Structures are given as structure tokens and as C-alpha cells.
Amino acid sequence: MLPTCALAILSSGSAHGYYVVQQLQLSGIGPIKGGALYPVLARLEHDGLLTSKWQEGEGGPGRKVYTITAAGGEQLNDFQHHWEPFAMRIKDVLIPQSGPQRNTDDQPKSSRTGAPQ
């Protein structure tokens, strides 16, 4: 999910990695350490989904600025298109709807425990 979230943040404009970290934290995802994010950004760049260029610092160190590519935008759009059905399936697994429960008493004991009788 982190790569897709990074693409989503960068889809609104070029930014450095620290900005991506800040936006993830502001969105409620939680603190993301650079040690987790920067390898993700490098992989996205390697895969052609981002480009980067070095920007000299003004009174401080320089930094890489990342820009989403057309391929990155296409991948993000594809993910966004499929997200809701996927999220609903995951929700159904994590939070089952109340209704008829499967009766495990009708099953042979060996299938419930995996042990022969």
C-alpha cells in the first residue's frame, strides 16, 4: 500500500520524500520512517513510475524531488478503479456480516481438527 499511497501523493505535484512522509502522517496512516519510504521511492523510480532530480538546498542540504510519470499515473488510476471492490472484499473477510453462521457440528470432526478419528 505504501507505493500506491506515495504515487497518490505525488500525483498532485512533484515533491521531496519528506513531504510524502508528512502527507502520509497527516492523512492518519501514521508515522512512516524514511528508511521505509526511500526504498519504495527508489523502486518506483526503477520501475519507471517516478522520476527524480536533485535539487540544491537553499541554506541546507540538497534533496531529491520526485515526479510521477505517465506510467505511474496509469498505474495509480488502475488501482483507484479497482480499490473499492477490493476493499469491500477485505471488509467482508475482516468484519463478517451478521446472518446465518456456518454450522461446524455438521462436519466430520476430522475436517474440523485435521486429526484422524
C-alpha atoms as a PDB file:
ATOM      1  CA  MET A   1       0.000   0.000   0.000  1.00  0.00           C
ATOM      2  CA  LEU A   2       2.877   2.382   0.674  1.00  0.00           C
ATOM      3  CA  PRO A   3       3.924   2.561  -3.006  1.00  0.00           C
ATOM      4  CA  THR A   4       0.371   3.346  -4.087  1.00  0.00           C
ATOM      5  CA  CYS A   5      -0.032   5.989  -1.388  1.00  0.00           C
ATOM      6  CA  ALA A   6       3.240   7.599  -2.482  1.00  0.00           C
ATOM      7  CA  LEU A   7       2.013   7.677  -6.098  1.00  0.00           C
ATOM      8  CA  ALA A   8      -1.267   9.237  -4.971  1.00  0.00           C
ATOM      9  CA  ILE A   9       0.505  11.985  -3.039  1.00  0.00           C
ATOM     10  CA  LEU A  10       2.880  12.700  -5.915  1.00  0.00           C
ATOM     11  CA  SER A  11       0.013  12.783  -8.418  1.00  0.00           C
ATOM     12  CA  SER A  12      -0.805  16.295  -7.177  1.00  0.00           C
ATOM     13  CA  GLY A  13       2.692  17.558  -7.945  1.00  0.00           C
ATOM     14  CA  SER A  14       6.405  16.974  -7.591  1.00  0.00           C
ATOM     15  CA  ALA A  15       7.739  16.745  -4.063  1.00  0.00           C
ATOM     16  CA  HIS A  16      10.620  15.514  -1.970  1.00  0.00           C
ATOM     17  CA  GLY A  17      10.406  12.387   0.172  1.00  0.00           C
ATOM     18  CA  TYR A  18       9.978  14.265   3.428  1.00  0.00           C
ATOM     19  CA  TYR A  19       6.821  15.896   2.046  1.00  0.00           C
ATOM     20  CA  VAL A  20       5.444  12.432   1.199  1.00  0.00           C
ATOM     21  CA  VAL A  21       6.172  11.314   4.776  1.00  0.00           C
ATOM     22  CA  GLN A  22       4.390  14.406   6.140  1.00  0.00           C
ATOM     23  CA  GLN A  23       1.329  13.838   3.956  1.00  0.00           C
ATOM     24  CA  LEU A  24       1.093  10.185   4.976  1.00  0.00           C
ATOM     25  CA  GLN A  25       1.197  11.209   8.617  1.00  0.00           C
ATOM     26  CA  LEU A  26      -1.379  13.975   8.128  1.00  0.00           C
ATOM     27  CA  SER A  27      -3.716  11.517   6.412  1.00  0.00           C
ATOM     28  CA  GLY A  28      -3.742   9.358   9.534  1.00  0.00           C
ATOM     29  CA  ILE A  29      -1.693   6.496   8.150  1.00  0.00           C
ATOM     30  CA  GLY A  30       0.809   7.081  10.910  1.00  0.00           C
ATOM     31  CA  PRO A  31       4.465   7.873  11.106  1.00  0.00           C
ATOM     32  CA  ILE A  32       6.479   6.443   8.241  1.00  0.00           C
ATOM     33  CA  LYS A  33      10.233   6.430   8.651  1.00  0.00           C
ATOM     34  CA  GLY A  34      12.440   7.448   5.753  1.00  0.00           C
ATOM     35  CA  GLY A  35      14.056   4.022   5.968  1.00  0.00           C
ATOM     36  CA  ALA A  36      10.732   2.546   4.875  1.00  0.00           C
ATOM     37  CA  LEU A  37       9.779   5.169   2.285  1.00  0.00           C
ATOM     38  CA  TYR A  38      13.013   5.851   0.401  1.00  0.00           C
ATOM     39  CA  PRO A  39      13.493   2.256  -0.806  1.00  0.00           C
ATOM     40  CA  VAL A  40       9.872   2.361  -2.027  1.00  0.00           C
ATOM     41  CA  LEU A  41      10.521   5.592  -3.929  1.00  0.00           C
ATOM     42  CA  ALA A  42      13.693   4.091  -5.411  1.00  0.00           C
ATOM     43  CA  ARG A  43      11.773   1.009  -6.562  1.00  0.00           C
ATOM     44  CA  LEU A  44       9.023   3.156  -8.097  1.00  0.00           C
ATOM     45  CA  GLU A  45      11.704   5.132  -9.925  1.00  0.00           C
ATOM     46  CA  HIS A  46      13.425   1.940 -11.083  1.00  0.00           C
ATOM     47  CA  ASP A  47      10.066   0.660 -12.387  1.00  0.00           C
ATOM     48  CA  GLY A  48       9.534   3.866 -14.382  1.00  0.00           C
ATOM     49  CA  LEU A  49       6.621   5.092 -12.271  1.00  0.00           C
ATOM     50  CA  LEU A  50       8.552   8.082 -10.871  1.00  0.00           C
ATOM     51  CA  THR A  51      11.435  10.236 -11.959  1.00  0.00           C
ATOM     52  CA  SER A  52      13.672  12.214  -9.670  1.00  0.00           C
ATOM     53  CA  LYS A  53      16.082  15.091  -9.934  1.00  0.00           C
ATOM     54  CA  TRP A  54      18.494  16.552  -7.453  1.00  0.00           C
ATOM     55  CA  GLN A  55      17.563  19.979  -6.134  1.00  0.00           C
ATOM     56  CA  GLU A  56      20.267  22.043  -4.465  1.00  0.00           C
ATOM     57  CA  GLY A  57      19.331  23.169  -0.987  1.00  0.00           C
ATOM     58  CA  GLU A  58      18.866  26.815  -0.124  1.00  0.00           C
ATOM     59  CA  GLY A  59      20.859  27.189   3.067  1.00  0.00           C
ATOM     60  CA  GLY A  60      20.674  23.455   3.728  1.00  0.00           C
ATOM     61  CA  PRO A  61      21.374  20.114   2.148  1.00  0.00           C
ATOM     62  CA  GLY A  62      20.090  19.267  -1.291  1.00  0.00           C
ATOM     63  CA  ARG A  63      17.371  16.693  -1.829  1.00  0.00           C
ATOM     64  CA  LYS A  64      15.726  14.580  -4.478  1.00  0.00           C
ATOM     65  CA  VAL A  65      12.433  15.791  -5.890  1.00  0.00           C
ATOM     66  CA  TYR A  66      10.145  13.059  -7.213  1.00  0.00           C
ATOM     67  CA  THR A  67       7.666  13.374 -10.079  1.00  0.00           C
ATOM     68  CA  ILE A  68       5.085  10.810 -11.118  1.00  0.00           C
ATOM     69  CA  THR A  69       5.400   9.620 -14.731  1.00  0.00           C
ATOM     70  CA  ALA A  70       2.597   8.850 -17.183  1.00  0.00           C
ATOM     71  CA  ALA A  71       3.072   5.144 -16.391  1.00  0.00           C
ATOM     72  CA  GLY A  72       2.830   5.928 -12.667  1.00  0.00           C
ATOM     73  CA  GLY A  73      -0.371   7.866 -13.261  1.00  0.00           C
ATOM     74  CA  GLU A  74      -1.832   4.978 -15.258  1.00  0.00           C
ATOM     75  CA  GLN A  75      -0.950   2.503 -12.520  1.00  0.00           C
ATOM     76  CA  LEU A  76      -2.496   4.766  -9.883  1.00  0.00           C
ATOM     77  CA  ASN A  77      -5.684   5.179 -11.947  1.00  0.00           C
ATOM     78  CA  ASP A  78      -5.933   1.416 -12.378  1.00  0.00           C
ATOM     79  CA  PHE A  79      -5.512   0.860  -8.646  1.00  0.00           C
ATOM     80  CA  GLN A  80      -8.089   3.535  -7.814  1.00  0.00           C
ATOM     81  CA  HIS A  81     -10.562   1.953 -10.233  1.00  0.00           C
ATOM     82  CA  HIS A  82     -10.233  -1.460  -8.546  1.00  0.00           C
ATOM     83  CA  TRP A  83      -9.861  -0.238  -4.959  1.00  0.00           C
ATOM     84  CA  GLU A  84     -13.491  -0.120  -3.820  1.00  0.00           C
ATOM     85  CA  PRO A  85     -14.435  -3.678  -4.854  1.00  0.00           C
ATOM     86  CA  PHE A  86     -11.172  -4.950  -3.361  1.00  0.00           C
ATOM     87  CA  ALA A  87     -11.713  -3.042  -0.102  1.00  0.00           C
ATOM     88  CA  MET A  88     -15.249  -4.401   0.169  1.00  0.00           C
ATOM     89  CA  ARG A  89     -14.000  -7.995  -0.174  1.00  0.00           C
ATOM     90  CA  ILE A  90     -11.376  -7.403   2.503  1.00  0.00           C
ATOM     91  CA  LYS A  91     -14.007  -5.807   4.753  1.00  0.00           C
ATOM     92  CA  ASP A  92     -16.245  -8.847   4.296  1.00  0.00           C
ATOM     93  CA  VAL A  93     -13.418 -11.069   5.493  1.00  0.00           C
ATOM     94  CA  LEU A  94     -12.408  -8.862   8.413  1.00  0.00           C
ATOM     95  CA  ILE A  95     -15.903  -7.844   9.511  1.00  0.00           C
ATOM     96  CA  PRO A  96     -18.360 -10.606   8.557  1.00  0.00           C
ATOM     97  CA  GLN A  97     -21.981  -9.547   8.213  1.00  0.00           C
ATOM     98  CA  SER A  98     -24.358 -10.995  10.759  1.00  0.00           C
ATOM     99  CA  GLY A  99     -26.507 -13.720   9.331  1.00  0.00           C
ATOM    100  CA  PRO A 100     -26.591 -17.463   9.140  1.00  0.00           C
ATOM    101  CA  GLN A 101     -23.460 -18.883  10.660  1.00  0.00           C
ATOM    102  CA  ARG A 102     -21.833 -21.956   9.271  1.00  0.00           C
ATOM    103  CA  ASN A 103     -22.643 -24.923  11.468  1.00  0.00           C
ATOM    104  CA  THR A 104     -19.385 -26.716  12.175  1.00  0.00           C
ATOM    105  CA  ASP A 105     -21.223 -29.512  14.047  1.00  0.00           C
ATOM    106  CA  ASP A 106     -22.416 -30.910  10.707  1.00  0.00           C
ATOM    107  CA  GLN A 107     -18.859 -31.504   9.582  1.00  0.00           C
ATOM    108  CA  PRO A 108     -16.901 -34.620  10.437  1.00  0.00           C
ATOM    109  CA  LYS A 109     -14.542 -33.995  13.338  1.00  0.00           C
ATOM    110  CA  SER A 110     -11.548 -34.893  11.227  1.00  0.00           C
ATOM    111  CA  SER A 111     -12.244 -31.980   8.875  1.00  0.00           C
ATOM    112  CA  ARG A 112     -12.518 -29.531  11.771  1.00  0.00           C
ATOM    113  CA  THR A 113      -9.367 -30.506  13.553  1.00  0.00           C
ATOM    114  CA  GLY A 114      -7.393 -32.096  10.787  1.00  0.00           C
ATOM    115  CA  ALA A 115      -6.813 -35.108  13.058  1.00  0.00           C
ATOM    116  CA  PRO A 116      -7.989 -38.583  12.078  1.00  0.00           C
ATOM    117  CA  GLN A 117     -10.672 -40.192  14.210  1.00  0.00           C
END
